[in-house]
Amino acid sequence: QVQLVESGGGLVQAGGSLRLSCAASGSIFSITTMGWFRQAPGKQRELVATITSGRSTDYADSVKGRFTISRDNAKNTVYLQMNSLKPEDTAVYYCAADANGGNWDYWGQGTQVTVSS
């Protein structure tokens, strides 16, 4: 089992920045890819960014150039640096882990990000 705990959400003005953290514990040796998702009210959950164990990254088109995903294996933590935030980035952000190759097996509880205009 893997436990994921997100932190770093909050209220920020448009154009501002936030950094989300996701601390992993438990059977972390099984984790390959980590990802950040978000879900806005009334919308489906969407994939925002992923990072593999080899540190290859991928981003949704809507956040490319503004968000950066990174991982610190020594701290078992994944980060999402969010710059130039827009009101449409407002959502609950979730951290997820893939431990079986191709499935998001573990999820955090989510952290709220609100961007005011």
PDB file of N, CA and C in Angstrom:
ATOM      1  N   GLN A   1       0.833  -1.193   0.000  1.00  0.00           N
ATOM      2  CA  GLN A   1       0.000   0.000   0.000  1.00  0.00           C
ATOM      3  C   GLN A   1       0.873   1.250   0.000  1.00  0.00           C
ATOM      4  N   VAL A   2       0.337   2.267  -0.616  1.00  0.00           N
ATOM      5  CA  VAL A   2       1.005   3.567  -0.692  1.00  0.00           C
ATOM      6  C   VAL A   2       0.047   4.628  -0.179  1.00  0.00           C
ATOM      7  N   GLN A   3       0.563   5.510   0.639  1.00  0.00           N
ATOM      8  CA  GLN A   3      -0.216   6.641   1.118  1.00  0.00           C
ATOM      9  C   GLN A   3       0.345   7.919   0.498  1.00  0.00           C
ATOM     10  N   LEU A   4      -0.566   8.779   0.047  1.00  0.00           N
ATOM     11  CA  LEU A   4      -0.192  10.049  -0.573  1.00  0.00           C
ATOM     12  C   LEU A   4      -0.873  11.188   0.161  1.00  0.00           C
ATOM     13  N   VAL A   5      -0.096  12.193   0.518  1.00  0.00           N
ATOM     14  CA  VAL A   5      -0.649  13.350   1.229  1.00  0.00           C
ATOM     15  C   VAL A   5      -0.227  14.617   0.512  1.00  0.00           C
ATOM     16  N   GLU A   6      -1.232  15.362   0.016  1.00  0.00           N
ATOM     17  CA  GLU A   6      -0.946  16.609  -0.681  1.00  0.00           C
ATOM     18  C   GLU A   6      -0.956  17.782   0.289  1.00  0.00           C
ATOM     19  N   SER A   7      -0.247  18.825  -0.078  1.00  0.00           N
ATOM     20  CA  SER A   7      -0.270  20.077   0.670  1.00  0.00           C
ATOM     21  C   SER A   7       0.108  21.210  -0.279  1.00  0.00           C
ATOM     22  N   GLY A   8      -0.139  22.439   0.178  1.00  0.00           N
ATOM     23  CA  GLY A   8       0.292  23.593  -0.594  1.00  0.00           C
ATOM     24  C   GLY A   8      -0.795  24.344  -1.322  1.00  0.00           C
ATOM     25  N   GLY A   9      -2.024  23.851  -1.284  1.00  0.00           N
ATOM     26  CA  GLY A   9      -3.097  24.575  -1.950  1.00  0.00           C
ATOM     27  C   GLY A   9      -3.441  25.857  -1.215  1.00  0.00           C
ATOM     28  N   GLY A  10      -4.300  26.661  -1.827  1.00  0.00           N
ATOM     29  CA  GLY A  10      -4.708  27.904  -1.197  1.00  0.00           C
ATOM     30  C   GLY A  10      -5.365  28.841  -2.170  1.00  0.00           C
ATOM     31  N   LEU A  11      -5.503  30.080  -1.740  1.00  0.00           N
ATOM     32  CA  LEU A  11      -6.113  31.135  -2.545  1.00  0.00           C
ATOM     33  C   LEU A  11      -5.018  32.066  -3.055  1.00  0.00           C
ATOM     34  N   VAL A  12      -5.054  32.336  -4.351  1.00  0.00           N
ATOM     35  CA  VAL A  12      -4.035  33.190  -4.953  1.00  0.00           C
ATOM     36  C   VAL A  12      -4.691  34.038  -6.031  1.00  0.00           C
ATOM     37  N   GLN A  13      -4.143  35.204  -6.276  1.00  0.00           N
ATOM     38  CA  GLN A  13      -4.663  36.055  -7.343  1.00  0.00           C
ATOM     39  C   GLN A  13      -4.157  35.571  -8.701  1.00  0.00           C
ATOM     40  N   ALA A  14      -4.908  35.895  -9.718  1.00  0.00           N
ATOM     41  CA  ALA A  14      -4.489  35.558 -11.077  1.00  0.00           C
ATOM     42  C   ALA A  14      -3.098  36.134 -11.351  1.00  0.00           C
ATOM     43  N   GLY A  15      -2.266  35.320 -11.980  1.00  0.00           N
ATOM     44  CA  GLY A  15      -0.886  35.705 -12.241  1.00  0.00           C
ATOM     45  C   GLY A  15       0.081  35.255 -11.177  1.00  0.00           C
ATOM     46  N   GLY A  16      -0.448  34.793 -10.053  1.00  0.00           N
ATOM     47  CA  GLY A  16       0.390  34.364  -8.956  1.00  0.00           C
ATOM     48  C   GLY A  16       0.880  32.930  -9.107  1.00  0.00           C
ATOM     49  N   SER A  17       1.549  32.451  -8.059  1.00  0.00           N
ATOM     50  CA  SER A  17       2.157  31.121  -8.080  1.00  0.00           C
ATOM     51  C   SER A  17       1.821  30.355  -6.807  1.00  0.00           C
ATOM     52  N   LEU A  18       1.810  29.042  -6.940  1.00  0.00           N
ATOM     53  CA  LEU A  18       1.687  28.127  -5.814  1.00  0.00           C
ATOM     54  C   LEU A  18       2.544  26.913  -6.104  1.00  0.00           C
ATOM     55  N   ARG A  19       3.004  26.260  -5.047  1.00  0.00           N
ATOM     56  CA  ARG A  19       3.695  24.985  -5.217  1.00  0.00           C
ATOM     57  C   ARG A  19       2.978  23.937  -4.377  1.00  0.00           C
ATOM     58  N   LEU A  20       2.529  22.910  -5.047  1.00  0.00           N
ATOM     59  CA  LEU A  20       1.891  21.779  -4.383  1.00  0.00           C
ATOM     60  C   LEU A  20       2.941  20.707  -4.111  1.00  0.00           C
ATOM     61  N   SER A  21       2.763  20.025  -2.987  1.00  0.00           N
ATOM     62  CA  SER A  21       3.634  18.912  -2.621  1.00  0.00           C
ATOM     63  C   SER A  21       2.802  17.660  -2.408  1.00  0.00           C
ATOM     64  N   CYS A  22       3.391  16.524  -2.714  1.00  0.00           N
ATOM     65  CA  CYS A  22       2.737  15.228  -2.487  1.00  0.00           C
ATOM     66  C   CYS A  22       3.762  14.302  -1.857  1.00  0.00           C
ATOM     67  N   ALA A  23       3.568  14.003  -0.588  1.00  0.00           N
ATOM     68  CA  ALA A  23       4.477  13.126   0.131  1.00  0.00           C
ATOM     69  C   ALA A  23       3.962  11.695   0.085  1.00  0.00           C
ATOM     70  N   ALA A  24       4.826  10.785  -0.330  1.00  0.00           N
ATOM     71  CA  ALA A  24       4.453   9.380  -0.447  1.00  0.00           C
ATOM     72  C   ALA A  24       5.084   8.572   0.680  1.00  0.00           C
ATOM     73  N   SER A  25       4.335   7.594   1.161  1.00  0.00           N
ATOM     74  CA  SER A  25       4.861   6.687   2.188  1.00  0.00           C
ATOM     75  C   SER A  25       4.284   5.301   1.952  1.00  0.00           C
ATOM     76  N   GLY A  26       4.869   4.314   2.613  1.00  0.00           N
ATOM     77  CA  GLY A  26       4.423   2.938   2.435  1.00  0.00           C
ATOM     78  C   GLY A  26       5.301   2.220   1.432  1.00  0.00           C
ATOM     79  N   SER A  27       4.688   1.454   0.554  1.00  0.00           N
ATOM     80  CA  SER A  27       5.426   0.630  -0.416  1.00  0.00           C
ATOM     81  C   SER A  27       5.834   1.447  -1.630  1.00  0.00           C
ATOM     82  N   ILE A  28       6.623   2.469  -1.389  1.00  0.00           N
ATOM     83  CA  ILE A  28       6.961   3.422  -2.449  1.00  0.00           C
ATOM     84  C   ILE A  28       7.868   2.823  -3.505  1.00  0.00           C
ATOM     85  N   PHE A  29       8.523   1.694  -3.185  1.00  0.00           N
ATOM     86  CA  PHE A  29       9.418   1.063  -4.152  1.00  0.00           C
ATOM     87  C   PHE A  29       8.655   0.595  -5.378  1.00  0.00           C
ATOM     88  N   SER A  30       7.346   0.418  -5.203  1.00  0.00           N
ATOM     89  CA  SER A  30       6.523  -0.089  -6.303  1.00  0.00           C
ATOM     90  C   SER A  30       6.085   1.007  -7.274  1.00  0.00           C
ATOM     91  N   ILE A  31       6.277   2.256  -6.907  1.00  0.00           N
ATOM     92  CA  ILE A  31       5.785   3.370  -7.721  1.00  0.00           C
ATOM     93  C   ILE A  31       6.657   3.587  -8.939  1.00  0.00           C
ATOM     94  N   THR A  32       6.031   3.733 -10.087  1.00  0.00           N
ATOM     95  CA  THR A  32       6.772   4.081 -11.302  1.00  0.00           C
ATOM     96  C   THR A  32       6.480   5.531 -11.653  1.00  0.00           C
ATOM     97  N   THR A  33       5.278   5.812 -12.069  1.00  0.00           N
ATOM     98  CA  THR A  33       4.909   7.156 -12.478  1.00  0.00           C
ATOM     99  C   THR A  33       4.051   7.840 -11.420  1.00  0.00           C
ATOM    100  N   MET A  34       4.310   9.125 -11.234  1.00  0.00           N
ATOM    101  CA  MET A  34       3.481   9.951 -10.356  1.00  0.00           C
ATOM    102  C   MET A  34       2.774  10.995 -11.216  1.00  0.00           C
ATOM    103  N   GLY A  35       1.611  11.393 -10.761  1.00  0.00           N
ATOM    104  CA  GLY A  35       0.868  12.374 -11.550  1.00  0.00           C
ATOM    105  C   GLY A  35       0.071  13.326 -10.677  1.00  0.00           C
ATOM    106  N   TRP A  36      -0.260  14.452 -11.281  1.00  0.00           N
ATOM    107  CA  TRP A  36      -1.180  15.410 -10.671  1.00  0.00           C
ATOM    108  C   TRP A  36      -2.417  15.508 -11.560  1.00  0.00           C
ATOM    109  N   PHE A  37      -3.563  15.432 -10.926  1.00  0.00           N
ATOM    110  CA  PHE A  37      -4.848  15.599 -11.592  1.00  0.00           C
ATOM    111  C   PHE A  37      -5.555  16.786 -10.955  1.00  0.00           C
ATOM    112  N   ARG A  38      -6.606  17.255 -11.613  1.00  0.00           N
ATOM    113  CA  ARG A  38      -7.431  18.285 -11.003  1.00  0.00           C
ATOM    114  C   ARG A  38      -8.886  18.081 -11.424  1.00  0.00           C
ATOM    115  N   GLN A  39      -9.779  18.546 -10.557  1.00  0.00           N
ATOM    116  CA  GLN A  39     -11.201  18.461 -10.848  1.00  0.00           C
ATOM    117  C   GLN A  39     -11.868  19.747 -10.413  1.00  0.00           C
ATOM    118  N   ALA A  40     -12.414  20.447 -11.396  1.00  0.00           N
ATOM    119  CA  ALA A  40     -13.151  21.677 -11.128  1.00  0.00           C
ATOM    120  C   ALA A  40     -14.623  21.330 -10.909  1.00  0.00           C
ATOM    121  N   PRO A  41     -15.364  22.184 -10.228  1.00  0.00           N
ATOM    122  CA  PRO A  41     -16.788  21.913  -9.980  1.00  0.00           C
ATOM    123  C   PRO A  41     -17.549  21.671 -11.271  1.00  0.00           C
ATOM    124  N   GLY A  42     -18.288  20.585 -11.306  1.00  0.00           N
ATOM    125  CA  GLY A  42     -19.093  20.270 -12.470  1.00  0.00           C
ATOM    126  C   GLY A  42     -18.328  19.713 -13.651  1.00  0.00           C
ATOM    127  N   LYS A  43     -17.036  19.466 -13.476  1.00  0.00           N
ATOM    128  CA  LYS A  43     -16.223  18.961 -14.578  1.00  0.00           C
ATOM    129  C   LYS A  43     -15.591  17.630 -14.206  1.00  0.00           C
ATOM    130  N   GLN A  44     -15.151  16.905 -15.237  1.00  0.00           N
ATOM    131  CA  GLN A  44     -14.479  15.640 -14.984  1.00  0.00           C
ATOM    132  C   GLN A  44     -13.047  15.878 -14.511  1.00  0.00           C
ATOM    133  N   ARG A  45     -12.544  14.889 -13.807  1.00  0.00           N
ATOM    134  CA  ARG A  45     -11.157  14.955 -13.376  1.00  0.00           C
ATOM    135  C   ARG A  45     -10.259  14.888 -14.600  1.00  0.00           C
ATOM    136  N   GLU A  46      -9.243  15.734 -14.652  1.00  0.00           N
ATOM    137  CA  GLU A  46      -8.333  15.754 -15.790  1.00  0.00           C
ATOM    138  C   GLU A  46      -6.885  15.617 -15.328  1.00  0.00           C
ATOM    139  N   LEU A  47      -6.103  14.986 -16.186  1.00  0.00           N
ATOM    140  CA  LEU A  47      -4.684  14.805 -15.921  1.00  0.00           C
ATOM    141  C   LEU A  47      -3.953  16.107 -16.233  1.00  0.00           C
ATOM    142  N   VAL A  48      -3.147  16.567 -15.285  1.00  0.00           N
ATOM    143  CA  VAL A  48      -2.429  17.827 -15.437  1.00  0.00           C
ATOM    144  C   VAL A  48      -0.978  17.588 -15.831  1.00  0.00           C
ATOM    145  N   ALA A  49      -0.305  16.680 -15.113  1.00  0.00           N
ATOM    146  CA  ALA A  49       1.115  16.448 -15.368  1.00  0.00           C
ATOM    147  C   ALA A  49       1.514  15.095 -14.820  1.00  0.00           C
ATOM    148  N   THR A  50       2.525  14.489 -15.457  1.00  0.00           N
ATOM    149  CA  THR A  50       3.062  13.225 -14.982  1.00  0.00           C
ATOM    150  C   THR A  50       4.582  13.274 -14.980  1.00  0.00           C
ATOM    151  N   ILE A  51       5.175  12.427 -14.139  1.00  0.00           N
ATOM    152  CA  ILE A  51       6.626  12.289 -14.107  1.00  0.00           C
ATOM    153  C   ILE A  51       6.949  10.827 -13.825  1.00  0.00           C
ATOM    154  N   THR A  52       7.845  10.268 -14.628  1.00  0.00           N
ATOM    155  CA  THR A  52       8.217   8.867 -14.470  1.00  0.00           C
ATOM    156  C   THR A  52       9.380   8.734 -13.483  1.00  0.00           C
ATOM    157  N   SER A  53       9.707   7.496 -13.175  1.00  0.00           N
ATOM    158  CA  SER A  53      10.843   7.253 -12.291  1.00  0.00           C
ATOM    159  C   SER A  53      12.144   7.752 -12.919  1.00  0.00           C
ATOM    160  N   GLY A  54      12.168   7.826 -14.248  1.00  0.00           N
ATOM    161  CA  GLY A  54      13.332   8.365 -14.950  1.00  0.00           C
ATOM    162  C   GLY A  54      13.259   9.864 -15.158  1.00  0.00           C
ATOM    163  N   ARG A  55      12.242  10.487 -14.555  1.00  0.00           N
ATOM    164  CA  ARG A  55      12.046  11.936 -14.593  1.00  0.00           C
ATOM    165  C   ARG A  55      11.601  12.469 -15.951  1.00  0.00           C
ATOM    166  N   SER A  56      11.050  11.607 -16.785  1.00  0.00           N
ATOM    167  CA  SER A  56      10.394  12.104 -17.993  1.00  0.00           C
ATOM    168  C   SER A  56       9.070  12.727 -17.597  1.00  0.00           C
ATOM    169  N   THR A  57       8.755  13.856 -18.200  1.00  0.00           N
ATOM    170  CA  THR A  57       7.553  14.586 -17.812  1.00  0.00           C
ATOM    171  C   THR A  57       6.617  14.780 -18.997  1.00  0.00           C
ATOM    172  N   ASP A  58       5.354  14.988 -18.683  1.00  0.00           N
ATOM    173  CA  ASP A  58       4.352  15.271 -19.689  1.00  0.00           C
ATOM    174  C   ASP A  58       3.312  16.181 -19.062  1.00  0.00           C
ATOM    175  N   TYR A  59       2.715  17.047 -19.892  1.00  0.00           N
ATOM    176  CA  TYR A  59       1.783  18.046 -19.381  1.00  0.00           C
ATOM    177  C   TYR A  59       0.550  18.155 -20.261  1.00  0.00           C
ATOM    178  N   ALA A  60      -0.548  18.533 -19.633  1.00  0.00           N
ATOM    179  CA  ALA A  60      -1.727  18.893 -20.401  1.00  0.00           C
ATOM    180  C   ALA A  60      -1.425  20.189 -21.164  1.00  0.00           C
ATOM    181  N   ASP A  61      -2.011  20.323 -22.334  1.00  0.00           N
ATOM    182  CA  ASP A  61      -1.760  21.511 -23.143  1.00  0.00           C
ATOM    183  C   ASP A  61      -2.108  22.793 -22.384  1.00  0.00           C
ATOM    184  N   SER A  62      -3.117  22.724 -21.561  1.00  0.00           N
ATOM    185  CA  SER A  62      -3.603  23.914 -20.864  1.00  0.00           C
ATOM    186  C   SER A  62      -2.622  24.457 -19.832  1.00  0.00           C
ATOM    187  N   VAL A  63      -1.631  23.651 -19.434  1.00  0.00           N
ATOM    188  CA  VAL A  63      -0.689  24.098 -18.403  1.00  0.00           C
ATOM    189  C   VAL A  63       0.747  24.151 -18.889  1.00  0.00           C
ATOM    190  N   LYS A  64       0.990  23.715 -20.113  1.00  0.00           N
ATOM    191  CA  LYS A  64       2.360  23.722 -20.638  1.00  0.00           C
ATOM    192  C   LYS A  64       2.942  25.125 -20.601  1.00  0.00           C
ATOM    193  N   GLY A  65       4.185  25.208 -20.129  1.00  0.00           N
ATOM    194  CA  GLY A  65       4.853  26.501 -20.035  1.00  0.00           C
ATOM    195  C   GLY A  65       4.556  27.246 -18.749  1.00  0.00           C
ATOM    196  N   ARG A  66       3.562  26.780 -17.994  1.00  0.00           N
ATOM    197  CA  ARG A  66       3.204  27.455 -16.730  1.00  0.00           C
ATOM    198  C   ARG A  66       3.440  26.557 -15.512  1.00  0.00           C
ATOM    199  N   PHE A  67       3.207  25.263 -15.662  1.00  0.00           N
ATOM    200  CA  PHE A  67       3.360  24.327 -14.553  1.00  0.00           C
ATOM    201  C   PHE A  67       4.596  23.466 -14.771  1.00  0.00           C
ATOM    202  N   THR A  68       5.235  23.083 -13.654  1.00  0.00           N
ATOM    203  CA  THR A  68       6.390  22.195 -13.709  1.00  0.00           C
ATOM    204  C   THR A  68       6.249  21.120 -12.642  1.00  0.00           C
ATOM    205  N   ILE A  69       6.346  19.872 -13.070  1.00  0.00           N
ATOM    206  CA  ILE A  69       6.306  18.746 -12.137  1.00  0.00           C
ATOM    207  C   ILE A  69       7.735  18.275 -11.892  1.00  0.00           C
ATOM    208  N   SER A  70       8.020  17.922 -10.643  1.00  0.00           N
ATOM    209  CA  SER A  70       9.347  17.428 -10.297  1.00  0.00           C
ATOM    210  C   SER A  70       9.214  16.438  -9.150  1.00  0.00           C
ATOM    211  N   ARG A  71      10.270  15.679  -8.918  1.00  0.00           N
ATOM    212  CA  ARG A  71      10.232  14.721  -7.811  1.00  0.00           C
ATOM    213  C   ARG A  71      11.572  14.709  -7.099  1.00  0.00           C
ATOM    214  N   ASP A  72      11.510  14.530  -5.790  1.00  0.00           N
ATOM    215  CA  ASP A  72      12.691  14.398  -4.945  1.00  0.00           C
ATOM    216  C   ASP A  72      12.620  13.005  -4.334  1.00  0.00           C
ATOM    217  N   ASN A  73      13.365  12.085  -4.902  1.00  0.00           N
ATOM    218  CA  ASN A  73      13.283  10.698  -4.447  1.00  0.00           C
ATOM    219  C   ASN A  73      13.798  10.535  -3.022  1.00  0.00           C
ATOM    220  N   ALA A  74      14.738  11.361  -2.617  1.00  0.00           N
ATOM    221  CA  ALA A  74      15.266  11.275  -1.258  1.00  0.00           C
ATOM    222  C   ALA A  74      14.193  11.619  -0.225  1.00  0.00           C
ATOM    223  N   LYS A  75      13.275  12.501  -0.622  1.00  0.00           N
ATOM    224  CA  LYS A  75      12.187  12.908   0.278  1.00  0.00           C
ATOM    225  C   LYS A  75      10.877  12.211  -0.037  1.00  0.00           C
ATOM    226  N   ASN A  76      10.886  11.356  -1.066  1.00  0.00           N
ATOM    227  CA  ASN A  76       9.662  10.657  -1.484  1.00  0.00           C
ATOM    228  C   ASN A  76       8.528  11.647  -1.746  1.00  0.00           C
ATOM    229  N   THR A  77       8.868  12.715  -2.402  1.00  0.00           N
ATOM    230  CA  THR A  77       7.915  13.808  -2.611  1.00  0.00           C
ATOM    231  C   THR A  77       7.902  14.245  -4.071  1.00  0.00           C
ATOM    232  N   VAL A  78       6.706  14.531  -4.561  1.00  0.00           N
ATOM    233  CA  VAL A  78       6.515  15.072  -5.900  1.00  0.00           C
ATOM    234  C   VAL A  78       5.938  16.471  -5.759  1.00  0.00           C
ATOM    235  N   TYR A  79       6.386  17.363  -6.605  1.00  0.00           N
ATOM    236  CA  TYR A  79       5.960  18.759  -6.537  1.00  0.00           C
ATOM    237  C   TYR A  79       5.263  19.168  -7.824  1.00  0.00           C
ATOM    238  N   LEU A  80       4.408  20.161  -7.711  1.00  0.00           N
ATOM    239  CA  LEU A  80       3.825  20.802  -8.884  1.00  0.00           C
ATOM    240  C   LEU A  80       3.960  22.303  -8.680  1.00  0.00           C
ATOM    241  N   GLN A  81       4.900  22.899  -9.391  1.00  0.00           N
ATOM    242  CA  GLN A  81       5.075  24.344  -9.349  1.00  0.00           C
ATOM    243  C   GLN A  81       4.139  24.963 -10.372  1.00  0.00           C
ATOM    244  N   MET A  82       3.281  25.844  -9.904  1.00  0.00           N
ATOM    245  CA  MET A  82       2.259  26.439 -10.763  1.00  0.00           C
ATOM    246  C   MET A  82       2.495  27.945 -10.821  1.00  0.00           C
ATOM    247  N   ASN A  83       2.816  28.442 -11.993  1.00  0.00           N
ATOM    248  CA  ASN A  83       3.062  29.866 -12.213  1.00  0.00           C
ATOM    249  C   ASN A  83       2.015  30.431 -13.155  1.00  0.00           C
ATOM    250  N   SER A  84       1.920  31.749 -13.176  1.00  0.00           N
ATOM    251  CA  SER A  84       0.976  32.441 -14.061  1.00  0.00           C
ATOM    252  C   SER A  84      -0.417  31.843 -13.956  1.00  0.00           C
ATOM    253  N   LEU A  85      -0.860  31.663 -12.745  1.00  0.00           N
ATOM    254  CA  LEU A  85      -2.146  31.004 -12.518  1.00  0.00           C
ATOM    255  C   LEU A  85      -3.299  31.821 -13.074  1.00  0.00           C
ATOM    256  N   LYS A  86      -4.311  31.096 -13.549  1.00  0.00           N
ATOM    257  CA  LYS A  86      -5.500  31.695 -14.134  1.00  0.00           C
ATOM    258  C   LYS A  86      -6.725  31.245 -13.349  1.00  0.00           C
ATOM    259  N   PRO A  87      -7.809  32.007 -13.389  1.00  0.00           N
ATOM    260  CA  PRO A  87      -9.027  31.573 -12.693  1.00  0.00           C
ATOM    261  C   PRO A  87      -9.484  30.175 -13.125  1.00  0.00           C
ATOM    262  N   GLU A  88      -9.257  29.817 -14.368  1.00  0.00           N
ATOM    263  CA  GLU A  88      -9.666  28.491 -14.834  1.00  0.00           C
ATOM    264  C   GLU A  88      -8.799  27.367 -14.284  1.00  0.00           C
ATOM    265  N   ASP A  89      -7.736  27.690 -13.560  1.00  0.00           N
ATOM    266  CA  ASP A  89      -6.956  26.657 -12.870  1.00  0.00           C
ATOM    267  C   ASP A  89      -7.581  26.280 -11.528  1.00  0.00           C
ATOM    268  N   THR A  90      -8.616  26.990 -11.132  1.00  0.00           N
ATOM    269  CA  THR A  90      -9.291  26.695  -9.877  1.00  0.00           C
ATOM    270  C   THR A  90      -9.861  25.277  -9.900  1.00  0.00           C
ATOM    271  N   ALA A  91      -9.488  24.483  -8.905  1.00  0.00           N
ATOM    272  CA  ALA A  91      -9.912  23.076  -8.853  1.00  0.00           C
ATOM    273  C   ALA A  91      -9.367  22.447  -7.581  1.00  0.00           C
ATOM    274  N   VAL A  92      -9.829  21.245  -7.321  1.00  0.00           N
ATOM    275  CA  VAL A  92      -9.176  20.402  -6.321  1.00  0.00           C
ATOM    276  C   VAL A  92      -8.098  19.613  -7.054  1.00  0.00           C
ATOM    277  N   TYR A  93      -6.892  19.673  -6.557  1.00  0.00           N
ATOM    278  CA  TYR A  93      -5.755  19.004  -7.172  1.00  0.00           C
ATOM    279  C   TYR A  93      -5.428  17.739  -6.392  1.00  0.00           C
ATOM    280  N   TYR A  94      -5.272  16.649  -7.134  1.00  0.00           N
ATOM    281  CA  TYR A  94      -5.002  15.342  -6.555  1.00  0.00           C
ATOM    282  C   TYR A  94      -3.670  14.802  -7.048  1.00  0.00           C
ATOM    283  N   CYS A  95      -2.961  14.178  -6.149  1.00  0.00           N
ATOM    284  CA  CYS A  95      -1.744  13.447  -6.474  1.00  0.00           C
ATOM    285  C   CYS A  95      -2.117  11.978  -6.656  1.00  0.00           C
ATOM    286  N   ALA A  96      -1.474  11.304  -7.604  1.00  0.00           N
ATOM    287  CA  ALA A  96      -1.754   9.896  -7.845  1.00  0.00           C
ATOM    288  C   ALA A  96      -0.470   9.155  -8.171  1.00  0.00           C
ATOM    289  N   ALA A  97      -0.481   7.852  -7.904  1.00  0.00           N
ATOM    290  CA  ALA A  97       0.693   7.016  -8.141  1.00  0.00           C
ATOM    291  C   ALA A  97       0.314   5.777  -8.938  1.00  0.00           C
ATOM    292  N   ASP A  98       1.171   5.459  -9.886  1.00  0.00           N
ATOM    293  CA  ASP A  98       1.024   4.250 -10.701  1.00  0.00           C
ATOM    294  C   ASP A  98       2.040   3.233 -10.202  1.00  0.00           C
ATOM    295  N   ALA A  99       1.537   2.114  -9.686  1.00  0.00           N
ATOM    296  CA  ALA A  99       2.430   1.093  -9.138  1.00  0.00           C
ATOM    297  C   ALA A  99       2.347  -0.219  -9.900  1.00  0.00           C
ATOM    298  N   ASN A 100       1.500  -0.302 -10.898  1.00  0.00           N
ATOM    299  CA  ASN A 100       1.308  -1.562 -11.612  1.00  0.00           C
ATOM    300  C   ASN A 100       1.430  -1.417 -13.111  1.00  0.00           C
ATOM    301  N   GLY A 101       1.902  -0.269 -13.552  1.00  0.00           N
ATOM    302  CA  GLY A 101       2.115  -0.096 -14.979  1.00  0.00           C
ATOM    303  C   GLY A 101       0.840   0.216 -15.745  1.00  0.00           C
ATOM    304  N   GLY A 102       0.477   1.493 -15.788  1.00  0.00           N
ATOM    305  CA  GLY A 102      -0.646   1.899 -16.614  1.00  0.00           C
ATOM    306  C   GLY A 102      -1.921   2.207 -15.877  1.00  0.00           C
ATOM    307  N   ASN A 103      -1.956   1.978 -14.570  1.00  0.00           N
ATOM    308  CA  ASN A 103      -3.145   2.302 -13.793  1.00  0.00           C
ATOM    309  C   ASN A 103      -2.779   3.231 -12.651  1.00  0.00           C
ATOM    310  N   TRP A 104      -3.685   4.151 -12.347  1.00  0.00           N
ATOM    311  CA  TRP A 104      -3.480   5.027 -11.202  1.00  0.00           C
ATOM    312  C   TRP A 104      -4.053   4.317  -9.989  1.00  0.00           C
ATOM    313  N   ASP A 105      -3.155   3.717  -9.226  1.00  0.00           N
ATOM    314  CA  ASP A 105      -3.572   2.814  -8.162  1.00  0.00           C
ATOM    315  C   ASP A 105      -3.857   3.507  -6.841  1.00  0.00           C
ATOM    316  N   TYR A 106      -3.160   4.609  -6.601  1.00  0.00           N
ATOM    317  CA  TYR A 106      -3.265   5.284  -5.304  1.00  0.00           C
ATOM    318  C   TYR A 106      -3.527   6.770  -5.521  1.00  0.00           C
ATOM    319  N   TRP A 107      -4.319   7.324  -4.608  1.00  0.00           N
ATOM    320  CA  TRP A 107      -4.725   8.725  -4.706  1.00  0.00           C
ATOM    321  C   TRP A 107      -4.591   9.416  -3.359  1.00  0.00           C
ATOM    322  N   GLY A 108      -4.252  10.701  -3.419  1.00  0.00           N
ATOM    323  CA  GLY A 108      -4.285  11.513  -2.226  1.00  0.00           C
ATOM    324  C   GLY A 108      -5.682  12.041  -1.977  1.00  0.00           C
ATOM    325  N   GLN A 109      -5.827  12.814  -0.928  1.00  0.00           N
ATOM    326  CA  GLN A 109      -7.145  13.314  -0.534  1.00  0.00           C
ATOM    327  C   GLN A 109      -7.532  14.584  -1.280  1.00  0.00           C
ATOM    328  N   GLY A 110      -6.569  15.217  -1.924  1.00  0.00           N
ATOM    329  CA  GLY A 110      -6.834  16.430  -2.687  1.00  0.00           C
ATOM    330  C   GLY A 110      -6.539  17.691  -1.896  1.00  0.00           C
ATOM    331  N   THR A 111      -6.181  18.738  -2.624  1.00  0.00           N
ATOM    332  CA  THR A 111      -5.949  20.040  -2.021  1.00  0.00           C
ATOM    333  C   THR A 111      -6.577  21.106  -2.924  1.00  0.00           C
ATOM    334  N   GLN A 112      -7.277  22.042  -2.315  1.00  0.00           N
ATOM    335  CA  GLN A 112      -8.011  23.051  -3.075  1.00  0.00           C
ATOM    336  C   GLN A 112      -7.090  24.174  -3.527  1.00  0.00           C
ATOM    337  N   VAL A 113      -7.198  24.507  -4.803  1.00  0.00           N
ATOM    338  CA  VAL A 113      -6.513  25.681  -5.363  1.00  0.00           C
ATOM    339  C   VAL A 113      -7.580  26.609  -5.914  1.00  0.00           C
ATOM    340  N   THR A 114      -7.582  27.836  -5.445  1.00  0.00           N
ATOM    341  CA  THR A 114      -8.543  28.825  -5.911  1.00  0.00           C
ATOM    342  C   THR A 114      -7.783  30.040  -6.427  1.00  0.00           C
ATOM    343  N   VAL A 115      -8.068  30.406  -7.677  1.00  0.00           N
ATOM    344  CA  VAL A 115      -7.419  31.548  -8.302  1.00  0.00           C
ATOM    345  C   VAL A 115      -8.467  32.624  -8.536  1.00  0.00           C
ATOM    346  N   SER A 116      -8.271  33.764  -7.910  1.00  0.00           N
ATOM    347  CA  SER A 116      -9.234  34.861  -8.045  1.00  0.00           C
ATOM    348  C   SER A 116      -8.817  35.793  -9.189  1.00  0.00           C
ATOM    349  N   SER A 117      -9.834  36.372  -9.815  1.00  0.00           N
ATOM    350  CA  SER A 117      -9.545  37.259 -10.956  1.00  0.00           C
ATOM    351  C   SER A 117      -9.363  38.703 -10.511  1.00  0.00           C
TER     352      SER A 117
END
